[in-house]
mmCIF file of all heavy atoms, coordinates in Angstrom:
data_MODEL
# 
_entry.id   MODEL 
# 
loop_
_atom_site.group_PDB 
_atom_site.id 
_atom_site.type_symbol 
_atom_site.label_atom_id 
_atom_site.label_alt_id 
_atom_site.label_comp_id 
_atom_site.label_asym_id 
_atom_site.label_entity_id 
_atom_site.label_seq_id 
_atom_site.pdbx_PDB_ins_code 
_atom_site.Cartn_x 
_atom_site.Cartn_y 
_atom_site.Cartn_z 
_atom_site.occupancy 
_atom_site.B_iso_or_equiv 
_atom_site.pdbx_formal_charge 
_atom_site.auth_seq_id 
_atom_site.auth_comp_id 
_atom_site.auth_asym_id 
_atom_site.auth_atom_id 
_atom_site.pdbx_PDB_model_num 
ATOM 1   N N   . ASP A 1 1  ? 15.811  -11.171 -8.381 1.00 0.00 ? 1  ASP A N   1 
ATOM 2   C CA  . ASP A 1 1  ? 14.443  -10.698 -8.511 1.00 0.00 ? 1  ASP A CA  1 
ATOM 3   C C   . ASP A 1 1  ? 14.044  -9.999  -7.221 1.00 0.00 ? 1  ASP A C   1 
ATOM 4   O O   . ASP A 1 1  ? 14.771  -10.014 -6.226 1.00 0.00 ? 1  ASP A O   1 
ATOM 5   C CB  . ASP A 1 1  ? 13.461  -11.836 -8.851 1.00 0.00 ? 1  ASP A CB  1 
ATOM 6   C CG  . ASP A 1 1  ? 13.626  -13.059 -7.955 1.00 0.00 ? 1  ASP A CG  1 
ATOM 7   O OD1 . ASP A 1 1  ? 14.259  -12.937 -6.891 1.00 0.00 ? 1  ASP A OD1 1 
ATOM 8   O OD2 . ASP A 1 1  ? 13.114  -14.135 -8.303 1.00 0.00 ? 1  ASP A OD2 1 
ATOM 9   N N   . VAL A 1 2  ? 12.885  -9.381  -7.241 1.00 0.00 ? 2  VAL A N   1 
ATOM 10  C CA  . VAL A 1 2  ? 12.346  -8.700  -6.072 1.00 0.00 ? 2  VAL A CA  1 
ATOM 11  C C   . VAL A 1 2  ? 10.828  -8.761  -6.169 1.00 0.00 ? 2  VAL A C   1 
ATOM 12  O O   . VAL A 1 2  ? 10.279  -8.868  -7.274 1.00 0.00 ? 2  VAL A O   1 
ATOM 13  C CB  . VAL A 1 2  ? 12.857  -7.239  -5.982 1.00 0.00 ? 2  VAL A CB  1 
ATOM 14  C CG1 . VAL A 1 2  ? 12.329  -6.410  -7.131 1.00 0.00 ? 2  VAL A CG1 1 
ATOM 15  C CG2 . VAL A 1 2  ? 12.497  -6.608  -4.650 1.00 0.00 ? 2  VAL A CG2 1 
ATOM 16  N N   . PHE A 1 3  ? 10.170  -8.740  -5.032 1.00 0.00 ? 3  PHE A N   1 
ATOM 17  C CA  . PHE A 1 3  ? 8.720   -8.898  -4.989 1.00 0.00 ? 3  PHE A CA  1 
ATOM 18  C C   . PHE A 1 3  ? 8.086   -7.687  -4.314 1.00 0.00 ? 3  PHE A C   1 
ATOM 19  O O   . PHE A 1 3  ? 8.681   -7.061  -3.438 1.00 0.00 ? 3  PHE A O   1 
ATOM 20  C CB  . PHE A 1 3  ? 8.333   -10.157 -4.218 1.00 0.00 ? 3  PHE A CB  1 
ATOM 21  C CG  . PHE A 1 3  ? 8.867   -11.427 -4.823 1.00 0.00 ? 3  PHE A CG  1 
ATOM 22  C CD1 . PHE A 1 3  ? 10.168  -11.840 -4.571 1.00 0.00 ? 3  PHE A CD1 1 
ATOM 23  C CD2 . PHE A 1 3  ? 8.071   -12.220 -5.635 1.00 0.00 ? 3  PHE A CD2 1 
ATOM 24  C CE1 . PHE A 1 3  ? 10.668  -13.011 -5.125 1.00 0.00 ? 3  PHE A CE1 1 
ATOM 25  C CE2 . PHE A 1 3  ? 8.564   -13.390 -6.192 1.00 0.00 ? 3  PHE A CE2 1 
ATOM 26  C CZ  . PHE A 1 3  ? 9.863   -13.781 -5.933 1.00 0.00 ? 3  PHE A CZ  1 
ATOM 27  N N   . ALA A 1 4  ? 6.869   -7.388  -4.729 1.00 0.00 ? 4  ALA A N   1 
ATOM 28  C CA  . ALA A 1 4  ? 6.086   -6.341  -4.084 1.00 0.00 ? 4  ALA A CA  1 
ATOM 29  C C   . ALA A 1 4  ? 4.718   -6.914  -3.733 1.00 0.00 ? 4  ALA A C   1 
ATOM 30  O O   . ALA A 1 4  ? 3.988   -7.369  -4.616 1.00 0.00 ? 4  ALA A O   1 
ATOM 31  C CB  . ALA A 1 4  ? 5.930   -5.126  -4.996 1.00 0.00 ? 4  ALA A CB  1 
ATOM 32  N N   . LEU A 1 5  ? 4.401   -6.927  -2.443 1.00 0.00 ? 5  LEU A N   1 
ATOM 33  C CA  . LEU A 1 5  ? 3.085   -7.362  -1.995 1.00 0.00 ? 5  LEU A CA  1 
ATOM 34  C C   . LEU A 1 5  ? 2.107   -6.204  -2.127 1.00 0.00 ? 5  LEU A C   1 
ATOM 35  O O   . LEU A 1 5  ? 2.418   -5.075  -1.740 1.00 0.00 ? 5  LEU A O   1 
ATOM 36  C CB  . LEU A 1 5  ? 3.137   -7.824  -0.543 1.00 0.00 ? 5  LEU A CB  1 
ATOM 37  C CG  . LEU A 1 5  ? 3.996   -9.048  -0.213 1.00 0.00 ? 5  LEU A CG  1 
ATOM 38  C CD1 . LEU A 1 5  ? 3.909   -9.363  1.269  1.00 0.00 ? 5  LEU A CD1 1 
ATOM 39  C CD2 . LEU A 1 5  ? 3.557   -10.245 -1.033 1.00 0.00 ? 5  LEU A CD2 1 
ATOM 40  N N   . VAL A 1 6  ? 0.940   -6.488  -2.666 1.00 0.00 ? 6  VAL A N   1 
ATOM 41  C CA  . VAL A 1 6  ? -0.101  -5.471  -2.799 1.00 0.00 ? 6  VAL A CA  1 
ATOM 42  C C   . VAL A 1 6  ? -0.964  -5.530  -1.545 1.00 0.00 ? 6  VAL A C   1 
ATOM 43  O O   . VAL A 1 6  ? -1.628  -6.540  -1.281 1.00 0.00 ? 6  VAL A O   1 
ATOM 44  C CB  . VAL A 1 6  ? -0.947  -5.708  -4.062 1.00 0.00 ? 6  VAL A CB  1 
ATOM 45  C CG1 . VAL A 1 6  ? -2.041  -4.663  -4.157 1.00 0.00 ? 6  VAL A CG1 1 
ATOM 46  C CG2 . VAL A 1 6  ? -0.056  -5.674  -5.297 1.00 0.00 ? 6  VAL A CG2 1 
ATOM 47  N N   . LYS A 1 7  ? -0.955  -4.454  -0.777 1.00 0.00 ? 7  LYS A N   1 
ATOM 48  C CA  . LYS A 1 7  ? -1.689  -4.408  0.487  1.00 0.00 ? 7  LYS A CA  1 
ATOM 49  C C   . LYS A 1 7  ? -2.681  -3.260  0.484  1.00 0.00 ? 7  LYS A C   1 
ATOM 50  O O   . LYS A 1 7  ? -2.660  -2.399  -0.384 1.00 0.00 ? 7  LYS A O   1 
ATOM 51  C CB  . LYS A 1 7  ? -0.714  -4.256  1.667  1.00 0.00 ? 7  LYS A CB  1 
ATOM 52  C CG  . LYS A 1 7  ? 0.219   -5.440  1.869  1.00 0.00 ? 7  LYS A CG  1 
ATOM 53  C CD  . LYS A 1 7  ? 1.077   -5.242  3.107  1.00 0.00 ? 7  LYS A CD  1 
ATOM 54  C CE  . LYS A 1 7  ? 1.915   -6.482  3.406  1.00 0.00 ? 7  LYS A CE  1 
ATOM 55  N NZ  . LYS A 1 7  ? 2.713   -6.302  4.655  1.00 0.00 ? 7  LYS A NZ  1 
ATOM 56  N N   . ARG A 1 8  ? -3.526  -3.259  1.510  1.00 0.00 ? 8  ARG A N   1 
ATOM 57  C CA  . ARG A 1 8  ? -4.503  -2.186  1.695  1.00 0.00 ? 8  ARG A CA  1 
ATOM 58  C C   . ARG A 1 8  ? -4.386  -1.636  3.110  1.00 0.00 ? 8  ARG A C   1 
ATOM 59  O O   . ARG A 1 8  ? -4.073  -2.371  4.042  1.00 0.00 ? 8  ARG A O   1 
ATOM 60  C CB  . ARG A 1 8  ? -5.928  -2.698  1.463  1.00 0.00 ? 8  ARG A CB  1 
ATOM 61  C CG  . ARG A 1 8  ? -6.180  -3.170  0.040  1.00 0.00 ? 8  ARG A CG  1 
ATOM 62  C CD  . ARG A 1 8  ? -6.237  -2.010  -0.940 1.00 0.00 ? 8  ARG A CD  1 
ATOM 63  N NE  . ARG A 1 8  ? -6.302  -2.478  -2.320 1.00 0.00 ? 8  ARG A NE  1 
ATOM 64  C CZ  . ARG A 1 8  ? -6.415  -1.672  -3.360 1.00 0.00 ? 8  ARG A CZ  1 
ATOM 65  N NH1 . ARG A 1 8  ? -6.465  -0.359  -3.180 1.00 0.00 ? 8  ARG A NH1 1 
ATOM 66  N NH2 . ARG A 1 8  ? -6.472  -2.151  -4.588 1.00 0.00 ? 8  ARG A NH2 1 
ATOM 67  N N   . ALA A 1 9  ? -4.620  -0.340  3.247  1.00 0.00 ? 9  ALA A N   1 
ATOM 68  C CA  . ALA A 1 9  ? -4.541  0.321   4.541  1.00 0.00 ? 9  ALA A CA  1 
ATOM 69  C C   . ALA A 1 9  ? -5.738  1.240   4.720  1.00 0.00 ? 9  ALA A C   1 
ATOM 70  O O   . ALA A 1 9  ? -6.487  1.514   3.773  1.00 0.00 ? 9  ALA A O   1 
ATOM 71  C CB  . ALA A 1 9  ? -3.238  1.105   4.657  1.00 0.00 ? 9  ALA A CB  1 
ATOM 72  N N   . GLN A 1 10 ? -5.913  1.719   5.934  1.00 0.00 ? 10 GLN A N   1 
ATOM 73  C CA  . GLN A 1 10 ? -7.010  2.638   6.217  1.00 0.00 ? 10 GLN A CA  1 
ATOM 74  C C   . GLN A 1 10 ? -6.773  3.969   5.503  1.00 0.00 ? 10 GLN A C   1 
ATOM 75  O O   . GLN A 1 10 ? -5.647  4.437   5.405  1.00 0.00 ? 10 GLN A O   1 
ATOM 76  C CB  . GLN A 1 10 ? -7.120  2.881   7.728  1.00 0.00 ? 10 GLN A CB  1 
ATOM 77  C CG  . GLN A 1 10 ? -7.586  1.668   8.513  1.00 0.00 ? 10 GLN A CG  1 
ATOM 78  C CD  . GLN A 1 10 ? -9.032  1.301   8.219  1.00 0.00 ? 10 GLN A CD  1 
ATOM 79  O OE1 . GLN A 1 10 ? -9.841  2.167   7.891  1.00 0.00 ? 10 GLN A OE1 1 
ATOM 80  N NE2 . GLN A 1 10 ? -9.365  0.021   8.340  1.00 0.00 ? 10 GLN A NE2 1 
ATOM 81  N N   . VAL A 1 11 ? -7.837  4.555   5.010  1.00 0.00 ? 11 VAL A N   1 
ATOM 82  C CA  . VAL A 1 11 ? -7.740  5.860   4.355  1.00 0.00 ? 11 VAL A CA  1 
ATOM 83  C C   . VAL A 1 11 ? -8.067  6.963   5.351  1.00 0.00 ? 11 VAL A C   1 
ATOM 84  O O   . VAL A 1 11 ? -8.726  6.730   6.371  1.00 0.00 ? 11 VAL A O   1 
ATOM 85  C CB  . VAL A 1 11 ? -8.685  5.952   3.136  1.00 0.00 ? 11 VAL A CB  1 
ATOM 86  C CG1 . VAL A 1 11 ? -8.339  4.899   2.110  1.00 0.00 ? 11 VAL A CG1 1 
ATOM 87  C CG2 . VAL A 1 11 ? -10.139 5.803   3.584  1.00 0.00 ? 11 VAL A CG2 1 
ATOM 88  N N   . CYS A 1 12 ? -7.577  8.170   5.056  1.00 0.00 ? 12 CYS A N   1 
ATOM 89  C CA  . CYS A 1 12 ? -7.849  9.340   5.873  1.00 0.00 ? 12 CYS A CA  1 
ATOM 90  C C   . CYS A 1 12 ? -7.792  10.552  4.949  1.00 0.00 ? 12 CYS A C   1 
ATOM 91  O O   . CYS A 1 12 ? -7.401  10.420  3.781  1.00 0.00 ? 12 CYS A O   1 
ATOM 92  C CB  . CYS A 1 12 ? -6.839  9.455   7.020  1.00 0.00 ? 12 CYS A CB  1 
ATOM 93  S SG  . CYS A 1 12 ? -5.148  9.789   6.481  1.00 0.00 ? 12 CYS A SG  1 
ATOM 94  N N   . PRO A 1 13 ? -8.159  11.732  5.412  1.00 0.00 ? 13 PRO A N   1 
ATOM 95  C CA  . PRO A 1 13 ? -8.153  12.897  4.521  1.00 0.00 ? 13 PRO A CA  1 
ATOM 96  C C   . PRO A 1 13 ? -6.814  13.160  3.839  1.00 0.00 ? 13 PRO A C   1 
ATOM 97  O O   . PRO A 1 13 ? -6.783  13.583  2.679  1.00 0.00 ? 13 PRO A O   1 
ATOM 98  C CB  . PRO A 1 13 ? -8.537  14.048  5.463  1.00 0.00 ? 13 PRO A CB  1 
ATOM 99  C CG  . PRO A 1 13 ? -9.384  13.396  6.505  1.00 0.00 ? 13 PRO A CG  1 
ATOM 100 C CD  . PRO A 1 13 ? -8.782  12.036  6.719  1.00 0.00 ? 13 PRO A CD  1 
ATOM 101 N N   . LEU A 1 14 ? -5.700  12.906  4.532  1.00 0.00 ? 14 LEU A N   1 
ATOM 102 C CA  . LEU A 1 14 ? -4.391  13.139  3.923  1.00 0.00 ? 14 LEU A CA  1 
ATOM 103 C C   . LEU A 1 14 ? -3.944  11.975  3.044  1.00 0.00 ? 14 LEU A C   1 
ATOM 104 O O   . LEU A 1 14 ? -3.091  12.148  2.173  1.00 0.00 ? 14 LEU A O   1 
ATOM 105 C CB  . LEU A 1 14 ? -3.347  13.385  5.014  1.00 0.00 ? 14 LEU A CB  1 
ATOM 106 C CG  . LEU A 1 14 ? -3.456  14.705  5.775  1.00 0.00 ? 14 LEU A CG  1 
ATOM 107 C CD1 . LEU A 1 14 ? -2.383  14.787  6.857  1.00 0.00 ? 14 LEU A CD1 1 
ATOM 108 C CD2 . LEU A 1 14 ? -3.344  15.898  4.834  1.00 0.00 ? 14 LEU A CD2 1 
ATOM 109 N N   . LEU A 1 15 ? -4.498  10.790  3.293  1.00 0.00 ? 15 LEU A N   1 
ATOM 110 C CA  . LEU A 1 15 ? -4.129  9.590   2.520  1.00 0.00 ? 15 LEU A CA  1 
ATOM 111 C C   . LEU A 1 15 ? -5.420  8.981   1.970  1.00 0.00 ? 15 LEU A C   1 
ATOM 112 O O   . LEU A 1 15 ? -5.955  8.023   2.524  1.00 0.00 ? 15 LEU A O   1 
ATOM 113 C CB  . LEU A 1 15 ? -3.385  8.591   3.408  1.00 0.00 ? 15 LEU A CB  1 
ATOM 114 C CG  . LEU A 1 15 ? -2.152  9.119   4.146  1.00 0.00 ? 15 LEU A CG  1 
ATOM 115 C CD1 . LEU A 1 15 ? -1.620  8.078   5.118  1.00 0.00 ? 15 LEU A CD1 1 
ATOM 116 C CD2 . LEU A 1 15 ? -1.066  9.531   3.156  1.00 0.00 ? 15 LEU A CD2 1 
ATOM 117 N N   . PRO A 1 16 ? -5.928  9.528   0.865  1.00 0.00 ? 16 PRO A N   1 
ATOM 118 C CA  . PRO A 1 16 ? -7.251  9.124   0.381  1.00 0.00 ? 16 PRO A CA  1 
ATOM 119 C C   . PRO A 1 16 ? -7.305  7.772   -0.315 1.00 0.00 ? 16 PRO A C   1 
ATOM 120 O O   . PRO A 1 16 ? -8.391  7.283   -0.620 1.00 0.00 ? 16 PRO A O   1 
ATOM 121 C CB  . PRO A 1 16 ? -7.613  10.243  -0.597 1.00 0.00 ? 16 PRO A CB  1 
ATOM 122 C CG  . PRO A 1 16 ? -6.289  10.741  -1.100 1.00 0.00 ? 16 PRO A CG  1 
ATOM 123 C CD  . PRO A 1 16 ? -5.348  10.617  0.046  1.00 0.00 ? 16 PRO A CD  1 
ATOM 124 N N   . TYR A 1 17 ? -6.144  7.159   -0.594 1.00 0.00 ? 17 TYR A N   1 
ATOM 125 C CA  . TYR A 1 17 ? -6.129  5.875   -1.296 1.00 0.00 ? 17 TYR A CA  1 
ATOM 126 C C   . TYR A 1 17 ? -5.525  4.788   -0.415 1.00 0.00 ? 17 TYR A C   1 
ATOM 127 O O   . TYR A 1 17 ? -4.534  5.014   0.282  1.00 0.00 ? 17 TYR A O   1 
ATOM 128 C CB  . TYR A 1 17 ? -5.356  5.997   -2.610 1.00 0.00 ? 17 TYR A CB  1 
ATOM 129 C CG  . TYR A 1 17 ? -6.019  6.950   -3.582 1.00 0.00 ? 17 TYR A CG  1 
ATOM 130 C CD1 . TYR A 1 17 ? -5.511  8.228   -3.798 1.00 0.00 ? 17 TYR A CD1 1 
ATOM 131 C CD2 . TYR A 1 17 ? -7.173  6.577   -4.261 1.00 0.00 ? 17 TYR A CD2 1 
ATOM 132 C CE1 . TYR A 1 17 ? -6.139  9.107   -4.672 1.00 0.00 ? 17 TYR A CE1 1 
ATOM 133 C CE2 . TYR A 1 17 ? -7.813  7.444   -5.129 1.00 0.00 ? 17 TYR A CE2 1 
ATOM 134 C CZ  . TYR A 1 17 ? -7.290  8.715   -5.330 1.00 0.00 ? 17 TYR A CZ  1 
ATOM 135 O OH  . TYR A 1 17 ? -7.924  9.585   -6.176 1.00 0.00 ? 17 TYR A OH  1 
ATOM 136 N N   . SER A 1 18 ? -6.105  3.592   -0.468 1.00 0.00 ? 18 SER A N   1 
ATOM 137 C CA  . SER A 1 18 ? -5.714  2.514   0.440  1.00 0.00 ? 18 SER A CA  1 
ATOM 138 C C   . SER A 1 18 ? -4.553  1.670   -0.078 1.00 0.00 ? 18 SER A C   1 
ATOM 139 O O   . SER A 1 18 ? -3.965  0.900   0.683  1.00 0.00 ? 18 SER A O   1 
ATOM 140 C CB  . SER A 1 18 ? -6.913  1.603   0.702  1.00 0.00 ? 18 SER A CB  1 
ATOM 141 O OG  . SER A 1 18 ? -7.341  0.979   -0.504 1.00 0.00 ? 18 SER A OG  1 
ATOM 142 N N   . LEU A 1 19 ? -4.207  1.786   -1.356 1.00 0.00 ? 19 LEU A N   1 
ATOM 143 C CA  . LEU A 1 19 ? -3.187  0.926   -1.948 1.00 0.00 ? 19 LEU A CA  1 
ATOM 144 C C   . LEU A 1 19 ? -1.813  1.170   -1.333 1.00 0.00 ? 19 LEU A C   1 
ATOM 145 O O   . LEU A 1 19 ? -1.353  2.310   -1.230 1.00 0.00 ? 19 LEU A O   1 
ATOM 146 C CB  . LEU A 1 19 ? -3.109  1.171   -3.461 1.00 0.00 ? 19 LEU A CB  1 
ATOM 147 C CG  . LEU A 1 19 ? -2.023  0.404   -4.216 1.00 0.00 ? 19 LEU A CG  1 
ATOM 148 C CD1 . LEU A 1 19 ? -2.258  -1.095  -4.139 1.00 0.00 ? 19 LEU A CD1 1 
ATOM 149 C CD2 . LEU A 1 19 ? -1.958  0.864   -5.667 1.00 0.00 ? 19 LEU A CD2 1 
ATOM 150 N N   . ARG A 1 20 ? -1.148  0.080   -0.912 1.00 0.00 ? 20 ARG A N   1 
ATOM 151 C CA  . ARG A 1 20 ? 0.221   0.136   -0.419 1.00 0.00 ? 20 ARG A CA  1 
ATOM 152 C C   . ARG A 1 20 ? 1.018   -0.997  -1.075 1.00 0.00 ? 20 ARG A C   1 
ATOM 153 O O   . ARG A 1 20 ? 0.492   -2.080  -1.304 1.00 0.00 ? 20 ARG A O   1 
ATOM 154 C CB  . ARG A 1 20 ? 0.285   -0.031  1.102  1.00 0.00 ? 20 ARG A CB  1 
ATOM 155 C CG  . ARG A 1 20 ? -0.524  0.968   1.906  1.00 0.00 ? 20 ARG A CG  1 
ATOM 156 C CD  . ARG A 1 20 ? 0.068   2.368   1.877  1.00 0.00 ? 20 ARG A CD  1 
ATOM 157 N NE  . ARG A 1 20 ? -0.661  3.250   2.776  1.00 0.00 ? 20 ARG A NE  1 
ATOM 158 C CZ  . ARG A 1 20 ? -1.758  3.922   2.446  1.00 0.00 ? 20 ARG A CZ  1 
ATOM 159 N NH1 . ARG A 1 20 ? -2.270  3.796   1.233  1.00 0.00 ? 20 ARG A NH1 1 
ATOM 160 N NH2 . ARG A 1 20 ? -2.369  4.707   3.326  1.00 0.00 ? 20 ARG A NH2 1 
ATOM 161 N N   . LEU A 1 21 ? 2.287   -0.722  -1.338 1.00 0.00 ? 21 LEU A N   1 
ATOM 162 C CA  . LEU A 1 21 ? 3.192   -1.739  -1.871 1.00 0.00 ? 21 LEU A CA  1 
ATOM 163 C C   . LEU A 1 21 ? 4.252   -2.056  -0.824 1.00 0.00 ? 21 LEU A C   1 
ATOM 164 O O   . LEU A 1 21 ? 4.864   -1.144  -0.266 1.00 0.00 ? 21 LEU A O   1 
ATOM 165 C CB  . LEU A 1 21 ? 3.871   -1.253  -3.158 1.00 0.00 ? 21 LEU A CB  1 
ATOM 166 C CG  . LEU A 1 21 ? 2.941   -0.962  -4.336 1.00 0.00 ? 21 LEU A CG  1 
ATOM 167 C CD1 . LEU A 1 21 ? 3.738   -0.435  -5.515 1.00 0.00 ? 21 LEU A CD1 1 
ATOM 168 C CD2 . LEU A 1 21 ? 2.142   -2.196  -4.724 1.00 0.00 ? 21 LEU A CD2 1 
ATOM 169 N N   . HIS A 1 22 ? 4.449   -3.327  -0.546 1.00 0.00 ? 22 HIS A N   1 
ATOM 170 C CA  . HIS A 1 22 ? 5.440   -3.779  0.432  1.00 0.00 ? 22 HIS A CA  1 
ATOM 171 C C   . HIS A 1 22 ? 6.510   -4.573  -0.299 1.00 0.00 ? 22 HIS A C   1 
ATOM 172 O O   . HIS A 1 22 ? 6.263   -5.687  -0.759 1.00 0.00 ? 22 HIS A O   1 
ATOM 173 C CB  . HIS A 1 22 ? 4.776   -4.645  1.500  1.00 0.00 ? 22 HIS A CB  1 
ATOM 174 C CG  . HIS A 1 22 ? 5.660   -4.951  2.664  1.00 0.00 ? 22 HIS A CG  1 
ATOM 175 N ND1 . HIS A 1 22 ? 5.179   -5.404  3.876  1.00 0.00 ? 22 HIS A ND1 1 
ATOM 176 C CD2 . HIS A 1 22 ? 7.014   -4.856  2.814  1.00 0.00 ? 22 HIS A CD2 1 
ATOM 177 C CE1 . HIS A 1 22 ? 6.190   -5.577  4.700  1.00 0.00 ? 22 HIS A CE1 1 
ATOM 178 N NE2 . HIS A 1 22 ? 7.306   -5.264  4.070  1.00 0.00 ? 22 HIS A NE2 1 
ATOM 179 N N   . LEU A 1 23 ? 7.697   -3.987  -0.434 1.00 0.00 ? 23 LEU A N   1 
ATOM 180 C CA  . LEU A 1 23 ? 8.784   -4.652  -1.155 1.00 0.00 ? 23 LEU A CA  1 
ATOM 181 C C   . LEU A 1 23 ? 9.376   -5.774  -0.300 1.00 0.00 ? 23 LEU A C   1 
ATOM 182 O O   . LEU A 1 23 ? 9.665   -5.581  0.880  1.00 0.00 ? 23 LEU A O   1 
ATOM 183 C CB  . LEU A 1 23 ? 9.871   -3.649  -1.531 1.00 0.00 ? 23 LEU A CB  1 
ATOM 184 C CG  . LEU A 1 23 ? 9.435   -2.500  -2.449 1.00 0.00 ? 23 LEU A CG  1 
ATOM 185 C CD1 . LEU A 1 23 ? 10.634  -1.644  -2.839 1.00 0.00 ? 23 LEU A CD1 1 
ATOM 186 C CD2 . LEU A 1 23 ? 8.737   -3.033  -3.687 1.00 0.00 ? 23 LEU A CD2 1 
ATOM 187 N N   . ILE A 1 24 ? 9.553   -6.939  -0.924 1.00 0.00 ? 24 ILE A N   1 
ATOM 188 C CA  . ILE A 1 24 ? 10.070  -8.127  -0.246 1.00 0.00 ? 24 ILE A CA  1 
ATOM 189 C C   . ILE A 1 24 ? 11.353  -8.571  -0.932 1.00 0.00 ? 24 ILE A C   1 
ATOM 190 O O   . ILE A 1 24 ? 11.385  -8.731  -2.158 1.00 0.00 ? 24 ILE A O   1 
ATOM 191 C CB  . ILE A 1 24 ? 9.038   -9.277  -0.287 1.00 0.00 ? 24 ILE A CB  1 
ATOM 192 C CG1 . ILE A 1 24 ? 7.750   -8.870  0.431  1.00 0.00 ? 24 ILE A CG1 1 
ATOM 193 C CG2 . ILE A 1 24 ? 9.616   -10.541 0.341  1.00 0.00 ? 24 ILE A CG2 1 
ATOM 194 C CD1 . ILE A 1 24 ? 7.890   -8.651  1.903  1.00 0.00 ? 24 ILE A CD1 1 
# 
């Protein structure tokens, strides 16, 4: 199996969405 942590990051004009996935 494999896991993905749902994280949030700062937004900026080039990255307008905060959603990030961290594979574990």
